[in-house]
């Protein structure tokens, strides 16, 4: 068995020699694999994470905040260093991905309305909640959050080895 491509004459394919270039171009387009969907930012690291965070920052600073950023109050906080809050990065990245899906070229006409209802409002309500990721942050004053403590990192994993016998 060989890996050679067998060329089928144009007459057998139902095309004329004049139609061949267009048919080959159409086949090439159909055979081209579609690009893989973007990866969620929490699964990235290194340069890929840095590039994704930069793209997210540009969208956040040039689209999201100028249009949807409301006044900062104690009841609706925002952190000027939002990228230092992993929850905010995750929420905003999901919001940005859905923005591209629902408002980009080829999206349905009701995509923007669905984006506002299903993605923007819940994400912004979570981010701007007084107990949300920006709790304690004020304009020009970032307050890092502590990770909640857990008793065991892997409570259902194998038990730790017994301590060595006393000497």
Protein backbone atom coordinates (compact mmCIF):
# COMPACT_ATOMS: atom_id res chain seq x y z
CA UNK A 1 0.00 0.00 0.00
CA UNK A 2 1.49 3.36 -0.99
CA UNK A 3 0.80 6.90 0.19
CA UNK A 4 0.78 8.30 -3.36
CA UNK A 5 -2.11 10.52 -4.39
CA UNK A 6 -3.95 9.15 -7.41
CA UNK A 7 -4.97 11.87 -9.84
CA UNK A 8 -8.46 11.28 -11.23
CA UNK A 9 -8.96 12.73 -14.72
CA UNK A 10 -11.23 15.80 -14.89
CA UNK A 11 -13.78 14.01 -17.06
CA UNK A 12 -14.22 11.30 -14.40
CA UNK A 13 -14.68 13.94 -11.69
CA UNK A 14 -17.38 15.70 -13.69
CA UNK A 15 -15.37 18.85 -14.37
CA UNK A 16 -13.82 20.27 -17.51
CA UNK A 17 -10.12 21.13 -17.73
CA UNK A 18 -11.10 24.84 -17.62
CA UNK A 19 -12.89 24.31 -14.28
CA UNK A 20 -9.94 22.48 -12.71
CA UNK A 21 -8.16 25.46 -11.02
CA UNK A 22 -11.37 26.60 -9.33
CA UNK A 23 -12.23 23.05 -8.25
CA UNK A 24 -8.73 22.54 -6.80
CA UNK A 25 -8.93 25.84 -4.92
CA UNK A 26 -12.35 24.92 -3.51
CA UNK A 27 -11.07 21.52 -2.41
CA UNK A 28 -8.07 23.15 -0.73
CA UNK A 29 -10.39 25.47 1.22
CA UNK A 30 -12.58 22.55 2.29
CA UNK A 31 -9.58 20.48 3.40
CA UNK A 32 -8.04 23.29 5.46
CA UNK A 33 -8.50 22.50 9.16
CA UNK A 34 -10.42 25.08 11.13
CA UNK A 35 -8.41 26.96 13.73
CA UNK A 36 -8.62 25.59 17.23
CA UNK A 37 -10.68 27.63 19.67
CA UNK A 38 -8.78 29.90 22.04
CA UNK A 39 -7.61 28.31 25.26
CA UNK A 40 -8.92 29.62 28.59
CA UNK A 41 -6.32 31.85 30.21
CA UNK A 42 -6.09 29.85 33.45
CA UNK A 43 -4.62 26.93 31.47
CA UNK A 44 -1.86 29.09 29.97
CA UNK A 45 1.58 29.91 31.26
CA UNK A 46 4.73 31.68 30.16
CA UNK A 47 4.67 33.71 26.93
CA UNK A 48 1.22 32.39 25.93
CA UNK A 49 -0.24 33.68 29.21
CA UNK A 50 1.54 37.03 28.79
CA UNK A 51 0.21 37.47 25.25
CA UNK A 52 -3.34 36.51 26.25
CA UNK A 53 -3.22 38.88 29.23
CA UNK A 54 -2.01 41.70 26.97
CA UNK A 55 -4.88 41.10 24.51
CA UNK A 56 -7.33 40.96 27.41
CA UNK A 57 -5.90 44.19 28.83
CA UNK A 58 -6.27 46.00 25.51
CA UNK A 59 -9.91 44.87 25.21
CA UNK A 60 -10.66 45.71 28.84
CA UNK A 61 -9.07 49.18 28.67
CA UNK A 62 -10.28 50.15 25.18
CA UNK A 63 -13.70 48.50 24.92
CA UNK A 64 -15.09 47.25 28.22
CA UNK A 65 -14.22 50.05 30.65
CA UNK A 66 -14.88 53.04 28.37
CA UNK A 67 -18.35 51.69 27.53
CA UNK A 68 -19.39 49.69 30.61
CA UNK A 69 -17.17 50.98 33.41
CA UNK A 70 -19.37 52.76 35.92
CA UNK A 71 -18.43 55.00 38.82
CA UNK A 72 -16.35 53.31 41.49
CA UNK A 73 -17.97 53.28 44.93
CA UNK A 74 -17.67 51.16 48.06
CA UNK A 75 -20.77 49.29 46.83
CA UNK A 76 -19.31 48.82 43.33
CA UNK A 77 -15.51 48.58 43.66
CA UNK A 78 -13.01 48.24 40.83
CA UNK A 79 -9.28 47.69 41.12
CA UNK A 80 -6.93 49.69 38.91
CA UNK A 81 -4.65 46.59 39.08
CA UNK A 82 -7.37 44.11 38.14
CA UNK A 83 -4.78 41.81 36.49
CA UNK A 84 -3.40 41.07 39.98
CA UNK A 85 -6.70 39.38 40.90
CA UNK A 86 -6.83 35.84 39.36
CA UNK A 87 -10.62 35.70 39.71
CA UNK A 88 -10.98 38.96 37.80
CA UNK A 89 -8.62 37.74 35.07
CA UNK A 90 -10.67 34.54 34.72
CA UNK A 91 -14.01 36.39 34.66
CA UNK A 92 -12.81 39.03 32.20
CA UNK A 93 -11.18 36.47 29.91
CA UNK A 94 -14.43 34.49 29.75
CA UNK A 95 -16.27 37.75 29.05
CA UNK A 96 -13.81 38.62 26.27
CA UNK A 97 -14.07 35.16 24.66
CA UNK A 98 -17.86 35.38 24.67
CA UNK A 99 -17.64 38.91 23.23
CA UNK A 100 -15.68 37.59 20.27
CA UNK A 101 -18.09 34.71 19.76
CA UNK A 102 -21.30 36.75 20.00
CA UNK A 103 -20.36 40.10 18.47
CA UNK A 104 -17.68 39.22 15.91
CA UNK A 105 -18.01 38.68 12.16
CA UNK A 106 -20.50 35.94 11.40
CA UNK A 107 -22.35 36.23 14.71
CA UNK A 108 -26.12 36.23 14.77
CA UNK A 109 -27.96 39.55 14.92
CA UNK A 110 -29.14 38.99 18.50
CA UNK A 111 -25.59 38.07 19.61
CA UNK A 112 -24.83 41.44 21.23
CA UNK A 113 -28.12 41.40 23.17
CA UNK A 114 -27.39 37.85 24.34
CA UNK A 115 -23.87 38.90 25.35
CA UNK A 116 -25.22 41.74 27.48
CA UNK A 117 -27.85 39.57 29.16
CA UNK A 118 -25.99 36.28 29.57
CA UNK A 119 -22.37 37.36 30.05
CA UNK A 120 -21.75 41.07 30.69
CA UNK A 121 -24.29 41.65 33.44
CA UNK A 122 -23.50 38.54 35.52
CA UNK A 123 -19.72 39.01 35.18
CA UNK A 124 -19.78 42.70 36.06
CA UNK A 125 -22.14 42.06 38.99
CA UNK A 126 -19.70 39.48 40.33
CA UNK A 127 -16.62 41.63 39.77
CA UNK A 128 -18.17 44.81 41.21
CA UNK A 129 -19.83 43.12 44.19
CA UNK A 130 -18.71 44.65 47.52
CA UNK A 131 -17.63 41.14 48.63
CA UNK A 132 -16.16 40.23 45.21
CA UNK A 133 -12.54 40.09 44.09
CA UNK A 134 -12.05 43.86 44.41
CA UNK A 135 -13.33 44.10 48.00
CA UNK A 136 -11.03 46.45 49.87
CA UNK A 137 -9.54 47.96 46.70
CA UNK A 138 -10.00 51.66 46.16
CA UNK A 139 -9.01 53.92 43.26
CA UNK A 140 -5.21 53.91 43.18
CA UNK A 141 -5.02 51.42 46.06
CA UNK A 142 -4.75 47.70 45.30
CA UNK A 143 -5.35 45.28 48.16
CA UNK A 144 -4.13 41.70 47.51
CA UNK A 145 -6.45 38.91 48.55
CA UNK A 146 -5.41 35.96 50.64
CA UNK A 147 -6.23 32.51 49.36
CA UNK A 148 -8.65 30.71 51.70
CA UNK A 149 -6.94 28.14 53.91
CA UNK A 150 -7.68 24.43 53.45
CA UNK A 151 -6.90 21.62 55.89
CA UNK A 152 -5.46 19.33 53.23
CA UNK A 153 -4.41 19.95 49.62
CA UNK A 154 -5.58 16.45 48.56
CA UNK A 155 -7.95 15.09 51.21
CA UNK A 156 -9.04 12.10 49.10
CA UNK A 157 -5.59 11.15 47.81
CA UNK A 158 -3.47 8.33 49.19
CA UNK A 159 -2.58 8.67 52.88
CA UNK A 160 0.81 10.13 53.68
CA UNK A 161 3.54 7.66 54.58
CA UNK A 162 3.84 6.87 58.30
CA UNK A 163 6.44 8.83 60.21
CA UNK A 164 9.79 7.13 60.60
CA UNK A 165 10.23 5.12 63.83
CA UNK A 166 11.93 6.95 66.68
CA UNK A 167 15.67 6.49 66.76
